[in-house]
Amino acid sequence: MSLAMSRPEAPPAPPAIPRAVPIQYGTALLVLVLVAGPLLPVLLQSVLDGALYDAEYNLTLANFARLARTEGFGLVLLNTAILAALTTLVAQVVGTLAAILFGRTDLPLARLMSEFFLWPLYLSALVLSFGWYAVYGPSGYLTLLWQSVLGEAPWTLYSLTGMAVIAGVSQAPLAYIYCLSSASITDPSLEEAARVSGAGTFRTLWRITLPLMKPAIAYSAVLNFTVGLELLSIPLIFGDPAGITVLTTFLFNNGISSPKPDHGLVATAAALMLAVVCFLVWLQGRMLGNTRRFITLGGKATRPRPFRLGGLRWPLFILAALYIMATVIAPIGVLVLRAFTAFLSPMIPLSEVLTTGNFAQIFDYPVYSRAVWNSFVVSLVGGAIATALIGLIAIIVHRSEFRFRGALQYLALFPRAVPGVVAGIGFFYAFALLPGLGFLRNSIWILVIAFTMRFIPAGIGAVAPMLLQVSHDLDRAARVQGADWWTTSRRILLPLMRPALVGCFTILFISFFKEYTTAIFLFAPGSEVIGTALLQLWVQGEVGLVAALATIQVAVIAICVAAVRGIFGVKLHG
């Protein structure tokens, strides 16, 4: 045998362009189009004197002046600020107290209470609004019961205060999660020192624990204020009938529900809202970056000792149970009960009105059964596509040498600052502007695209922390063996990320399934989802069908949450 024949074959020459280049640049370009695509048309429309898709238009700043001169717009801004502020106040007070009570004291059944307290986080504000109406509305079950026994009910949901209570309760879990995380990692020695000095339970809480929670309280307050500005369903259901208009309902009434939409006015108001929310998100980042001076957790793996409530243990338990019963169990429970009745009233025996007719009607009418099916498809397929994209973004940002990975990370997180109504308006303009995309405009795939853009930050938050825990030594070992970046990512990192990707998909499935603010500007006959069908039924006064459709949404989300916790052990909150 010759030397030439025994010589080992030379390794194949590396490709001229590494596989990482098209994957990384293609992903970055896709995210750029997803994020900038709906925002640029809004900003452009705000400075045009005609519709964006018209043949002729001119640049102008007159829309801003016209918006400022619009009758009642000052009151709209005032109502928006008041509603957001009251929502934040309710959410922060309730969430902070719950975090201390359920997380730091010896309250009975605190873990169970905590689970119930978090349920508004899983449901859309739209469904919660219908639940509150079923209990506390003018013809609500408790309202009618109160009137039959004690006279006129002392509450009303058709006011800024009433709307703020509903919104605050639905947002309180956000404050709870942030404050609970902060309260659970405080240095126990500080509280022990206070106890040794003679401070009682409540004095220690007031002087030590609460001050250490200030960064979490402040950060979650800015977050809740931002959410308060973006609220649509609660002001639409309870504010519009009372003549109370906020910025989101101003956009809705002058946009999609207007026979002749004023595109310049709508886009200018949307640009104003986008600017305010961008500032608030920037403020959140600044506040989060300046909280290291409040960190008190050292190297010792110790947990703070629970506070003893003493004689207040059971009275506080009763108060907490009444709160959860009144704000979580009653709205959801009565809404579900209303779905199984022809009419719900404390004056009529339940056995006489029980029926499954509402569900039969839902599945008899193609438009409503189609809305349920579309929601499943959008959530299942869209959630899977978005999870794949988010996993790729996370790997590029945190485990690659991509030149623009910092810019990609910023782009991926920017949709936090894009309210749902602004995203919906932006995608509407973008797809109207590009004639080649007409086949998508009247399909559910435009919803998949829009929802993916909206919830990229939520998915990144579920995936990135686990990826950061994976040692870089695994990447280096694979590269030493000759694997390129994509092979390393596909063979090593993605399998290790599987639990996080399951959690990400679950979060996205729930988020897609309950989303409605973006969809109401984009859906067309044939592409309805549950949220848009709920609003249509509500306008038609079909309370029983609203309850049945909302119950389907609650049931699907409940099964999803239970399954992912029981099978995969994944937490769906921070």
Protein backbone atom coordinates (compact mmCIF):
# COMPACT_ATOMS: atom_id res chain seq x y z
CA MET A 1 0.00 0.00 0.00
CA SER A 2 1.40 3.38 -0.94
CA LEU A 3 1.91 6.30 1.40
CA ALA A 4 -0.63 8.29 -0.57
CA MET A 5 -3.29 5.65 0.02
CA SER A 6 -2.62 5.38 3.77
CA ARG A 7 -2.69 9.13 4.32
CA PRO A 8 -5.93 10.19 6.19
CA GLU A 9 -8.42 12.22 4.27
CA ALA A 10 -8.22 15.96 4.79
CA PRO A 11 -11.16 17.47 6.70
CA PRO A 12 -13.66 19.26 4.50
CA ALA A 13 -12.93 22.91 3.99
CA PRO A 14 -15.07 25.21 6.13
CA PRO A 15 -17.85 26.98 4.24
CA ALA A 16 -17.07 30.42 2.91
CA ILE A 17 -19.84 31.87 5.07
CA PRO A 18 -20.32 30.19 8.48
CA ARG A 19 -23.85 28.97 9.21
CA ALA A 20 -24.04 31.33 12.16
CA VAL A 21 -24.02 34.40 9.92
CA PRO A 22 -27.34 33.91 8.05
CA ILE A 23 -29.04 32.55 11.19
CA GLN A 24 -27.98 35.46 13.40
CA TYR A 25 -28.48 38.23 10.88
CA GLY A 26 -31.76 36.70 9.67
CA THR A 27 -33.11 36.51 13.23
CA ALA A 28 -32.07 40.10 13.96
CA LEU A 29 -33.71 41.31 10.74
CA LEU A 30 -36.92 39.42 11.54
CA VAL A 31 -37.12 40.95 15.04
CA LEU A 32 -36.43 44.40 13.60
CA VAL A 33 -39.30 44.01 11.12
CA LEU A 34 -41.64 42.66 13.81
CA VAL A 35 -40.94 45.53 16.20
CA ALA A 36 -40.43 48.48 13.87
CA GLY A 37 -42.96 47.38 11.25
CA PRO A 38 -46.09 48.39 13.18
CA LEU A 39 -44.56 51.43 14.92
CA LEU A 40 -43.18 53.34 11.96
CA PRO A 41 -46.58 53.52 10.17
CA VAL A 42 -48.18 54.96 13.34
CA LEU A 43 -45.52 57.64 13.61
CA LEU A 44 -45.74 58.37 9.88
CA GLN A 45 -49.55 58.56 9.91
CA SER A 46 -49.38 61.08 12.78
CA VAL A 47 -47.63 63.59 10.49
CA LEU A 48 -49.77 63.09 7.37
CA ASP A 49 -52.85 65.06 6.33
CA GLY A 50 -54.55 62.01 4.81
CA ALA A 51 -54.77 58.26 5.28
CA LEU A 52 -51.50 56.38 4.92
CA TYR A 53 -52.88 54.21 2.11
CA ASP A 54 -54.28 57.15 0.08
CA ALA A 55 -52.76 58.01 -3.29
CA GLU A 56 -51.83 61.55 -2.18
CA TYR A 57 -50.94 63.05 1.18
CA ASN A 58 -48.66 65.73 2.60
CA LEU A 59 -46.46 65.97 5.67
CA THR A 60 -47.89 68.15 8.41
CA LEU A 61 -47.80 68.76 12.16
CA ALA A 62 -51.40 69.93 12.17
CA ASN A 63 -52.62 66.64 13.69
CA PHE A 64 -50.90 67.43 16.98
CA ALA A 65 -52.48 70.86 17.17
CA ARG A 66 -55.85 69.42 16.15
CA LEU A 67 -55.61 66.77 18.84
CA ALA A 68 -54.84 69.39 21.47
CA ARG A 69 -57.87 71.42 20.35
CA THR A 70 -60.20 68.39 20.25
CA GLU A 71 -63.16 69.07 22.52
CA GLY A 72 -62.86 67.16 25.76
CA PHE A 73 -59.36 65.76 25.06
CA GLY A 74 -57.97 67.45 28.17
CA LEU A 75 -60.60 65.62 30.22
CA VAL A 76 -59.65 62.37 28.46
CA LEU A 77 -56.03 62.82 29.58
CA LEU A 78 -57.13 63.70 33.10
CA ASN A 79 -59.41 60.64 33.31
CA THR A 80 -56.58 58.46 32.03
CA ALA A 81 -54.14 59.78 34.64
CA ILE A 82 -56.66 59.45 37.49
CA LEU A 83 -57.64 55.91 36.52
CA ALA A 84 -53.99 54.83 36.23
CA ALA A 85 -53.12 56.46 39.57
CA LEU A 86 -56.08 54.95 41.44
CA THR A 87 -55.42 51.55 39.85
CA THR A 88 -51.80 51.74 40.99
CA LEU A 89 -52.80 52.76 44.52
CA VAL A 90 -55.25 49.85 44.90
CA ALA A 91 -52.85 47.34 43.33
CA GLN A 92 -49.86 48.40 45.43
CA VAL A 93 -51.67 48.52 48.76
CA VAL A 94 -53.38 45.16 48.23
CA GLY A 95 -50.34 43.47 46.65
CA THR A 96 -47.89 44.68 49.29
CA LEU A 97 -50.15 43.66 52.19
CA ALA A 98 -50.73 40.26 50.58
CA ALA A 99 -46.99 39.73 50.11
CA ILE A 100 -46.35 40.39 53.81
CA LEU A 101 -49.38 38.46 55.03
CA PHE A 102 -49.01 35.38 52.81
CA GLY A 103 -45.22 35.36 52.54
CA ARG A 104 -43.87 36.56 55.90
CA THR A 105 -46.39 35.63 58.59
CA ASP A 106 -47.82 32.45 60.15
CA LEU A 107 -51.26 33.06 58.60
CA PRO A 108 -53.22 29.78 58.26
CA LEU A 109 -53.48 28.35 54.72
CA ALA A 110 -51.22 31.11 53.40
CA ARG A 111 -50.02 28.98 50.46
CA LEU A 112 -53.57 28.24 49.31
CA MET A 113 -54.51 31.91 49.73
CA SER A 114 -51.53 32.86 47.60
CA GLU A 115 -52.65 30.57 44.77
CA PHE A 116 -56.14 32.08 44.70
CA PHE A 117 -54.71 35.60 44.95
CA LEU A 118 -52.67 35.06 41.77
CA TRP A 119 -55.57 33.90 39.60
CA PRO A 120 -56.41 37.34 38.15
CA LEU A 121 -52.93 37.26 36.63
CA TYR A 122 -53.90 34.30 34.42
CA LEU A 123 -57.16 35.77 33.13
CA SER A 124 -57.75 38.72 30.85
CA ALA A 125 -59.14 41.93 32.32
CA LEU A 126 -62.01 41.47 29.85
CA VAL A 127 -63.17 38.23 31.50
CA LEU A 128 -62.67 39.66 34.99
CA SER A 129 -64.78 42.67 34.00
CA PHE A 130 -67.65 40.40 32.99
CA GLY A 131 -67.28 38.53 36.28
CA TRP A 132 -67.46 41.75 38.30
CA TYR A 133 -70.51 42.81 36.30
CA ALA A 134 -72.21 39.47 37.02
CA VAL A 135 -71.73 40.03 40.78
CA TYR A 136 -71.64 43.78 41.37
CA GLY A 137 -73.22 45.30 38.25
CA PRO A 138 -76.66 46.99 38.31
CA SER A 139 -78.32 43.60 37.77
CA GLY A 140 -75.53 41.62 39.41
CA TYR A 141 -76.31 38.80 41.81
CA LEU A 142 -75.02 40.49 44.97
CA THR A 143 -76.46 43.87 43.95
CA LEU A 144 -79.95 42.39 43.57
CA LEU A 145 -79.58 40.48 46.83
CA TRP A 146 -78.50 43.66 48.65
CA GLN A 147 -81.38 45.65 47.16
CA SER A 148 -83.93 43.02 48.19
CA VAL A 149 -82.77 43.12 51.81
CA LEU A 150 -81.12 46.49 52.55
CA GLY A 151 -82.17 48.83 49.73
CA GLU A 152 -79.93 50.69 47.28
CA ALA A 153 -76.45 49.15 46.90
CA PRO A 154 -73.67 51.48 48.13
CA TRP A 155 -71.32 50.71 45.21
CA THR A 156 -71.19 51.43 41.50
CA LEU A 157 -68.81 50.12 38.88
CA TYR A 158 -69.65 52.95 36.46
CA SER A 159 -67.18 55.46 37.89
CA LEU A 160 -63.44 56.07 37.93
CA THR A 161 -63.29 54.67 41.46
CA GLY A 162 -65.28 51.56 40.54
CA MET A 163 -63.13 50.91 37.48
CA ALA A 164 -59.95 51.46 39.51
CA VAL A 165 -61.04 48.86 42.07
CA ILE A 166 -61.59 46.24 39.35
CA ALA A 167 -58.32 47.12 37.61
CA GLY A 168 -56.41 47.35 40.90
CA VAL A 169 -57.55 43.91 42.00
CA SER A 170 -56.61 42.44 38.61
CA GLN A 171 -53.14 44.06 38.80
CA ALA A 172 -52.46 43.40 42.51
CA PRO A 173 -50.75 40.04 41.72
CA LEU A 174 -47.98 41.93 39.89
CA ALA A 175 -47.20 43.98 42.99
CA TYR A 176 -47.52 40.82 45.08
CA ILE A 177 -44.92 38.91 43.04
CA TYR A 178 -42.33 41.70 43.15
CA CYS A 179 -42.88 42.47 46.83
CA LEU A 180 -42.91 38.81 47.85
CA SER A 181 -39.57 38.22 46.13
CA SER A 182 -38.10 41.21 47.94
CA ALA A 183 -39.59 40.31 51.33
CA SER A 184 -38.33 36.72 51.11
CA ILE A 185 -34.64 37.57 50.65
CA THR A 186 -34.16 40.29 53.26
CA ASP A 187 -31.32 39.75 55.71
CA PRO A 188 -32.84 38.05 58.80
CA SER A 189 -30.27 39.69 61.08
CA LEU A 190 -31.87 43.11 60.60
CA GLU A 191 -35.28 41.91 61.76
CA GLU A 192 -33.72 39.88 64.59
CA ALA A 193 -31.86 42.98 65.76
CA ALA A 194 -35.16 44.88 65.86
CA ARG A 195 -36.78 42.11 67.87
CA VAL A 196 -33.86 42.01 70.32
CA SER A 197 -34.27 45.77 70.75
CA GLY A 198 -37.85 45.20 71.87
CA ALA A 199 -39.72 45.95 68.65
CA GLY A 200 -42.94 44.00 68.18
CA THR A 201 -44.20 42.36 65.01
CA PHE A 202 -45.87 45.41 63.49
CA ARG A 203 -43.13 47.85 64.47
CA THR A 204 -40.51 45.55 62.88
CA LEU A 205 -42.61 45.30 59.72
CA TRP A 206 -43.07 49.07 59.55
CA ARG A 207 -39.50 50.12 60.40
CA ILE A 208 -37.43 47.31 58.82
CA THR A 209 -39.27 45.07 56.35
CA LEU A 210 -41.31 47.68 54.47
CA PRO A 211 -38.38 50.10 53.92
CA LEU A 212 -36.35 47.23 52.46
CA MET A 213 -39.21 46.51 50.06
CA LYS A 214 -39.25 50.08 48.71
CA PRO A 215 -37.44 49.25 45.44
CA ALA A 216 -39.87 46.41 44.67
CA ILE A 217 -42.85 48.58 45.61
CA ALA A 218 -41.62 51.48 43.47
CA TYR A 219 -40.75 49.30 40.48
CA SER A 220 -44.06 47.43 40.52
CA ALA A 221 -45.90 50.75 41.01
CA VAL A 222 -44.43 52.11 37.77
CA LEU A 223 -45.34 48.83 36.06
CA ASN A 224 -48.92 49.00 37.34
CA PHE A 225 -49.25 52.66 36.38
CA THR A 226 -48.13 51.71 32.86
CA VAL A 227 -50.73 48.92 32.72
CA GLY A 228 -53.33 51.36 34.05
CA LEU A 229 -52.68 53.67 31.11
CA GLU A 230 -53.16 50.78 28.66
CA LEU A 231 -56.46 49.47 30.08
CA LEU A 232 -59.17 49.06 27.45
CA SER A 233 -61.79 46.50 28.51
CA ILE A 234 -62.66 47.99 31.90
CA PRO A 235 -63.10 51.58 30.62
CA LEU A 236 -64.94 50.24 27.56
CA ILE A 237 -67.43 48.21 29.59
CA PHE A 238 -67.94 50.51 32.58
CA GLY A 239 -66.63 53.91 31.47
CA ASP A 240 -68.24 54.40 28.08
CA PRO A 241 -71.85 53.91 29.32
CA ALA A 242 -71.17 56.51 32.03
CA GLY A 243 -69.61 58.99 29.59
CA ILE A 244 -66.09 58.50 31.03
CA THR A 245 -63.53 58.40 28.23
CA VAL A 246 -59.85 57.53 28.63
CA LEU A 247 -57.10 57.47 26.02
CA THR A 248 -57.61 53.82 25.03
CA THR A 249 -61.37 54.19 24.53
CA PHE A 250 -60.71 57.47 22.67
CA LEU A 251 -58.55 55.48 20.25
CA PHE A 252 -61.16 52.72 20.00
CA ASN A 253 -64.12 55.05 19.46
CA ASN A 254 -62.33 57.24 16.91
CA GLY A 255 -60.71 54.29 15.19
CA ILE A 256 -62.30 50.91 14.70
CA SER A 257 -65.82 51.72 15.92
CA SER A 258 -66.11 54.98 13.97
CA PRO A 259 -67.86 54.87 10.56
CA LYS A 260 -65.29 57.42 9.27
CA PRO A 261 -62.06 56.92 11.24
CA ASP A 262 -59.93 60.02 11.68
CA HIS A 263 -56.60 58.37 10.97
CA GLY A 264 -54.50 61.44 11.69
CA LEU A 265 -56.12 62.00 15.08
CA VAL A 266 -55.97 58.31 16.04
CA ALA A 267 -52.32 57.93 15.04
CA THR A 268 -51.33 61.12 16.86
CA ALA A 269 -53.05 59.98 20.07
CA ALA A 270 -51.43 56.54 19.67
CA ALA A 271 -47.99 58.17 19.21
CA LEU A 272 -48.58 60.23 22.37
CA MET A 273 -49.48 57.09 24.31
CA LEU A 274 -46.45 55.26 22.94
CA ALA A 275 -44.15 58.10 24.04
CA VAL A 276 -45.57 58.15 27.58
CA VAL A 277 -45.32 54.36 27.98
CA CYS A 278 -41.77 54.35 26.56
CA PHE A 279 -40.78 56.90 29.20
CA LEU A 280 -42.35 54.80 31.95
CA VAL A 281 -40.58 51.64 30.77
CA TRP A 282 -37.31 53.57 30.68
CA LEU A 283 -38.03 54.73 34.23
CA GLN A 284 -38.59 51.11 35.31
CA GLY A 285 -35.18 50.21 33.91
CA ARG A 286 -33.52 53.10 35.71
CA MET A 287 -35.17 52.16 38.99
CA LEU A 288 -34.21 48.51 38.64
CA GLY A 289 -30.63 49.52 37.91
CA ASN A 290 -30.41 51.65 41.06
CA THR A 291 -31.71 49.10 43.53
CA ARG A 292 -28.43 47.41 44.43
CA ARG A 293 -28.02 49.77 47.37
CA PHE A 294 -31.08 48.11 48.92
CA ILE A 295 -29.70 44.56 48.61
CA THR A 296 -29.32 43.00 52.06
CA LEU A 297 -28.92 39.32 51.16
CA GLY A 298 -25.47 38.08 52.04
CA GLY A 299 -23.76 34.77 51.46
CA LYS A 300 -25.63 32.83 54.15
CA ALA A 301 -28.47 30.65 52.90
CA THR A 302 -30.92 31.64 55.62
CA ARG A 303 -34.59 32.51 55.37
CA PRO A 304 -36.27 35.22 57.41
CA ARG A 305 -38.30 33.91 60.32
CA PRO A 306 -42.09 34.26 59.88
CA PHE A 307 -43.74 36.98 61.92
CA ARG A 308 -46.07 35.73 64.65
CA LEU A 309 -49.53 37.25 64.37
CA GLY A 310 -50.68 36.07 67.79
CA GLY A 311 -54.31 36.88 68.52
CA LEU A 312 -54.73 38.53 65.09
CA ARG A 313 -53.95 35.30 63.25
CA TRP A 314 -57.53 34.17 62.72
CA PRO A 315 -59.15 37.62 62.32
CA LEU A 316 -56.61 38.41 59.56
CA PHE A 317 -57.27 35.00 58.01
CA ILE A 318 -60.99 35.80 57.89
CA LEU A 319 -60.32 39.22 56.31
CA ALA A 320 -58.00 37.68 53.70
CA ALA A 321 -60.53 34.93 52.95
CA LEU A 322 -63.33 37.49 52.55
CA TYR A 323 -61.16 39.53 50.16
CA ILE A 324 -60.37 36.51 47.99
CA MET A 325 -63.98 35.42 48.08
CA ALA A 326 -65.25 38.88 47.07
CA THR A 327 -62.68 39.72 44.40
CA VAL A 328 -61.58 36.40 42.90
CA ILE A 329 -63.88 33.47 43.69
CA ALA A 330 -67.20 35.35 43.47
CA PRO A 331 -66.58 37.09 40.09
CA ILE A 332 -65.22 33.94 38.44
CA GLY A 333 -67.70 31.61 40.16
CA VAL A 334 -70.80 33.68 39.40
CA LEU A 335 -69.65 34.18 35.81
CA VAL A 336 -69.35 30.40 35.39
CA LEU A 337 -72.72 29.91 37.12
CA ARG A 338 -74.31 32.47 34.80
CA ALA A 339 -73.07 30.43 31.84
CA PHE A 340 -75.16 27.48 33.03
CA THR A 341 -78.37 29.44 33.67
CA ALA A 342 -80.98 31.12 31.51
CA PHE A 343 -81.21 33.95 34.05
CA LEU A 344 -79.42 34.41 37.35
CA SER A 345 -81.18 36.16 40.22
CA PRO A 346 -81.31 35.57 43.99
CA MET A 347 -85.11 35.79 43.70
CA ILE A 348 -85.38 32.77 41.38
CA PRO A 349 -84.49 29.22 42.54
CA LEU A 350 -81.39 28.00 40.77
CA SER A 351 -82.98 24.67 39.87
CA GLU A 352 -85.55 26.44 37.68
CA VAL A 353 -83.04 28.23 35.44
CA LEU A 354 -80.22 25.68 35.00
CA THR A 355 -79.46 25.03 31.34
CA THR A 356 -76.68 24.21 28.91
CA GLY A 357 -78.39 26.26 26.22
CA ASN A 358 -75.80 29.01 26.29
CA PHE A 359 -73.04 26.57 25.33
CA ALA A 360 -75.28 24.95 22.71
CA GLN A 361 -75.80 28.37 21.12
CA ILE A 362 -72.07 29.07 21.16
CA PHE A 363 -71.38 25.94 19.13
CA ASP A 364 -74.49 26.30 16.95
CA TYR A 365 -73.41 29.69 15.60
CA PRO A 366 -70.36 29.32 13.32
CA VAL A 367 -68.97 32.74 14.21
CA TYR A 368 -68.64 31.87 17.91
CA SER A 369 -67.46 28.29 17.52
CA ARG A 370 -64.97 29.59 14.96
CA ALA A 371 -63.74 32.15 17.51
CA VAL A 372 -62.98 29.33 19.97
CA TRP A 373 -61.21 27.29 17.30
CA ASN A 374 -59.23 30.31 16.05
CA SER A 375 -58.10 31.07 19.61
CA PHE A 376 -56.79 27.50 19.93
CA VAL A 377 -54.96 27.63 16.62
CA VAL A 378 -53.47 31.09 17.23
CA SER A 379 -52.35 30.11 20.73
CA LEU A 380 -51.02 26.65 19.83
CA VAL A 381 -49.31 27.40 16.52
CA GLY A 382 -48.42 30.99 17.35
CA GLY A 383 -47.09 30.01 20.77
CA ALA A 384 -44.88 27.32 19.21
CA ILE A 385 -43.52 29.66 16.52
CA ALA A 386 -42.91 32.44 19.04
CA THR A 387 -41.18 30.03 21.45
CA ALA A 388 -38.81 28.89 18.70
CA LEU A 389 -38.02 32.50 17.79
CA ILE A 390 -37.50 33.48 21.44
CA GLY A 391 -35.21 30.51 22.08
CA LEU A 392 -33.13 31.56 19.07
CA ILE A 393 -33.02 35.20 20.23
CA ALA A 394 -31.89 34.16 23.72
CA ILE A 395 -29.09 31.95 22.37
CA ILE A 396 -27.85 34.66 19.99
CA VAL A 397 -27.95 37.37 22.69
CA HIS A 398 -26.38 35.36 25.50
CA ARG A 399 -24.28 32.64 23.83
CA SER A 400 -22.86 34.00 20.60
CA GLU A 401 -20.30 36.45 19.29
CA PHE A 402 -22.89 38.18 17.12
CA ARG A 403 -21.77 41.75 16.52
CA PHE A 404 -25.21 43.29 17.15
CA ARG A 405 -26.39 41.07 20.03
CA GLY A 406 -26.77 44.09 22.35
CA ALA A 407 -29.03 45.84 19.84
CA LEU A 408 -30.97 42.60 19.31
CA GLN A 409 -31.59 42.31 23.05
CA TYR A 410 -32.87 45.89 23.18
CA LEU A 411 -35.13 45.26 20.19
CA ALA A 412 -36.52 42.06 21.70
CA LEU A 413 -37.42 43.82 24.96
CA PHE A 414 -38.80 47.00 23.36
CA PRO A 415 -42.37 45.64 22.87
CA ARG A 416 -42.79 46.05 26.66
CA ALA A 417 -43.32 49.70 25.80
CA VAL A 418 -45.89 49.07 23.06
CA PRO A 419 -49.50 49.09 24.35
CA GLY A 420 -51.82 46.55 22.79
CA VAL A 421 -54.03 49.18 21.18
CA VAL A 422 -51.00 50.89 19.62
CA ALA A 423 -49.70 47.55 18.31
CA GLY A 424 -53.10 46.78 16.81
CA ILE A 425 -53.34 50.18 15.11
CA GLY A 426 -49.75 49.87 13.88
CA PHE A 427 -50.22 46.44 12.33
CA PHE A 428 -53.46 47.63 10.73
CA TYR A 429 -51.62 50.51 9.03
CA ALA A 430 -48.62 48.34 8.12
CA PHE A 431 -50.70 45.67 6.39
CA ALA A 432 -52.88 48.28 4.70
CA LEU A 433 -49.77 50.06 3.41
CA LEU A 434 -48.21 46.94 1.87
CA PRO A 435 -50.58 45.57 -0.80
CA GLY A 436 -48.63 42.32 -1.16
CA LEU A 437 -49.72 41.30 2.34
CA GLY A 438 -53.44 41.49 1.65
CA PHE A 439 -53.80 37.70 1.91
CA LEU A 440 -52.69 37.94 5.57
CA ARG A 441 -54.84 40.93 6.46
CA ASN A 442 -58.10 38.98 6.77
CA SER A 443 -56.67 35.82 8.32
CA ILE A 444 -55.67 34.61 11.76
CA TRP A 445 -52.00 34.75 10.75
CA ILE A 446 -51.90 38.50 11.16
CA LEU A 447 -52.92 37.83 14.79
CA VAL A 448 -50.12 35.29 15.16
CA ILE A 449 -47.62 37.87 13.92
CA ALA A 450 -48.99 40.69 16.08
CA PHE A 451 -49.23 38.56 19.24
CA THR A 452 -45.69 37.26 18.71
CA MET A 453 -44.36 40.80 18.59
CA ARG A 454 -46.35 41.79 21.71
CA PHE A 455 -45.14 38.91 23.89
CA ILE A 456 -41.49 38.47 22.90
CA PRO A 457 -40.39 40.18 26.17
CA ALA A 458 -42.52 37.81 28.27
CA GLY A 459 -40.94 34.81 26.56
CA ILE A 460 -37.42 36.21 26.95
CA GLY A 461 -38.10 36.62 30.67
CA ALA A 462 -38.98 32.91 30.89
CA VAL A 463 -36.01 31.60 28.88
CA ALA A 464 -33.03 33.89 29.52
CA PRO A 465 -32.57 33.22 33.29
CA MET A 466 -32.14 29.47 32.77
CA LEU A 467 -29.78 29.98 29.84
CA LEU A 468 -27.60 32.23 31.99
CA GLN A 469 -27.27 29.39 34.51
CA VAL A 470 -25.74 27.01 31.92
CA SER A 471 -21.94 26.97 32.20
CA HIS A 472 -19.93 28.32 29.28
CA ASP A 473 -17.60 25.33 29.69
CA LEU A 474 -20.12 23.22 27.75
CA ASP A 475 -19.91 25.58 24.79
CA ARG A 476 -16.10 25.58 24.91
CA ALA A 477 -15.92 21.77 25.09
CA ALA A 478 -18.11 21.44 22.01
CA ARG A 479 -16.11 24.03 20.11
CA VAL A 480 -12.85 22.26 21.00
CA GLN A 481 -14.30 19.10 19.43
CA GLY A 482 -14.91 21.01 16.20
CA ALA A 483 -18.58 21.90 16.53
CA ASP A 484 -19.62 25.28 15.16
CA TRP A 485 -21.93 27.72 16.96
CA TRP A 486 -25.14 26.34 15.49
CA THR A 487 -24.26 22.69 16.21
CA THR A 488 -23.35 23.62 19.79
CA SER A 489 -26.62 25.49 20.22
CA ARG A 490 -28.73 22.73 18.66
CA ARG A 491 -27.05 19.74 20.33
CA ILE A 492 -26.24 21.16 23.78
CA LEU A 493 -27.96 24.42 24.68
CA LEU A 494 -31.46 23.82 23.30
CA PRO A 495 -31.86 20.40 25.01
CA LEU A 496 -30.74 21.93 28.32
CA MET A 497 -33.24 24.77 27.80
CA ARG A 498 -36.19 22.39 27.33
CA PRO A 499 -37.84 23.08 30.75
CA ALA A 500 -37.55 26.82 30.21
CA LEU A 501 -38.93 26.50 26.68
CA VAL A 502 -41.90 24.51 28.03
CA GLY A 503 -42.57 27.29 30.53
CA CYS A 504 -42.15 29.89 27.77
CA PHE A 505 -44.63 28.09 25.50
CA THR A 506 -47.17 27.82 28.33
CA ILE A 507 -46.88 31.52 29.16
CA LEU A 508 -47.26 32.41 25.49
CA PHE A 509 -50.20 30.02 25.00
CA ILE A 510 -52.07 31.66 27.90
CA SER A 511 -51.10 35.17 26.78
CA PHE A 512 -52.20 34.52 23.19
CA PHE A 513 -55.41 32.84 24.34
CA LYS A 514 -56.53 35.76 26.51
CA GLU A 515 -55.25 38.65 24.33
CA TYR A 516 -57.89 40.91 22.82
CA THR A 517 -56.64 44.54 22.74
CA THR A 518 -54.45 43.99 19.69
CA ALA A 519 -56.97 41.70 17.99
CA ILE A 520 -59.90 44.16 17.98
CA PHE A 521 -58.07 46.37 15.47
CA LEU A 522 -57.05 43.46 13.23
CA PHE A 523 -59.74 40.80 13.10
CA ALA A 524 -62.10 40.39 10.14
CA PRO A 525 -65.05 38.07 9.50
CA GLY A 526 -63.54 34.59 9.71
CA SER A 527 -60.60 35.56 11.94
CA GLU A 528 -62.46 36.26 15.17
CA VAL A 529 -60.97 35.09 18.47
CA ILE A 530 -62.62 34.69 21.86
CA GLY A 531 -61.79 38.22 23.01
CA THR A 532 -63.30 39.91 19.94
CA ALA A 533 -66.36 37.63 20.06
CA LEU A 534 -66.86 38.50 23.74
CA LEU A 535 -66.93 42.22 22.93
CA GLN A 536 -69.35 41.68 20.04
CA LEU A 537 -71.70 39.64 22.25
CA TRP A 538 -71.49 42.22 25.02
CA VAL A 539 -72.50 45.01 22.64
CA GLN A 540 -75.47 42.87 21.54
CA GLY A 541 -76.53 42.36 25.19
CA GLU A 542 -76.09 38.56 25.10
CA VAL A 543 -74.97 38.18 28.72
CA GLY A 544 -75.54 34.41 28.82
CA LEU A 545 -73.43 33.82 25.71
CA VAL A 546 -70.74 36.16 27.08
CA ALA A 547 -70.62 34.10 30.27
CA ALA A 548 -70.47 30.81 28.32
CA LEU A 549 -67.63 31.99 26.07
CA ALA A 550 -65.74 33.48 29.03
CA THR A 551 -66.18 30.19 30.91
CA ILE A 552 -64.58 28.31 28.02
CA GLN A 553 -61.60 30.66 28.22
CA VAL A 554 -61.35 30.23 32.02
CA ALA A 555 -61.58 26.42 31.71
CA VAL A 556 -58.87 26.19 29.04
CA ILE A 557 -56.48 28.40 31.00
CA ALA A 558 -57.19 26.53 34.26
CA ILE A 559 -56.44 23.18 32.60
CA CYS A 560 -53.29 24.62 31.03
CA VAL A 561 -51.99 26.03 34.34
CA ALA A 562 -52.79 22.83 36.25
CA ALA A 563 -51.19 20.60 33.61
CA VAL A 564 -47.97 22.53 33.29
CA ARG A 565 -47.58 22.69 37.06
CA GLY A 566 -48.48 19.06 37.68
CA ILE A 567 -46.58 17.50 34.76
CA PHE A 568 -43.60 19.80 34.32
CA GLY A 569 -43.47 21.58 37.69
CA VAL A 570 -43.17 24.95 35.94
CA LYS A 571 -44.09 28.18 37.72
CA LEU A 572 -45.92 30.67 35.53
CA HIS A 573 -44.95 33.77 37.47
CA GLY A 574 -41.79 35.32 38.77
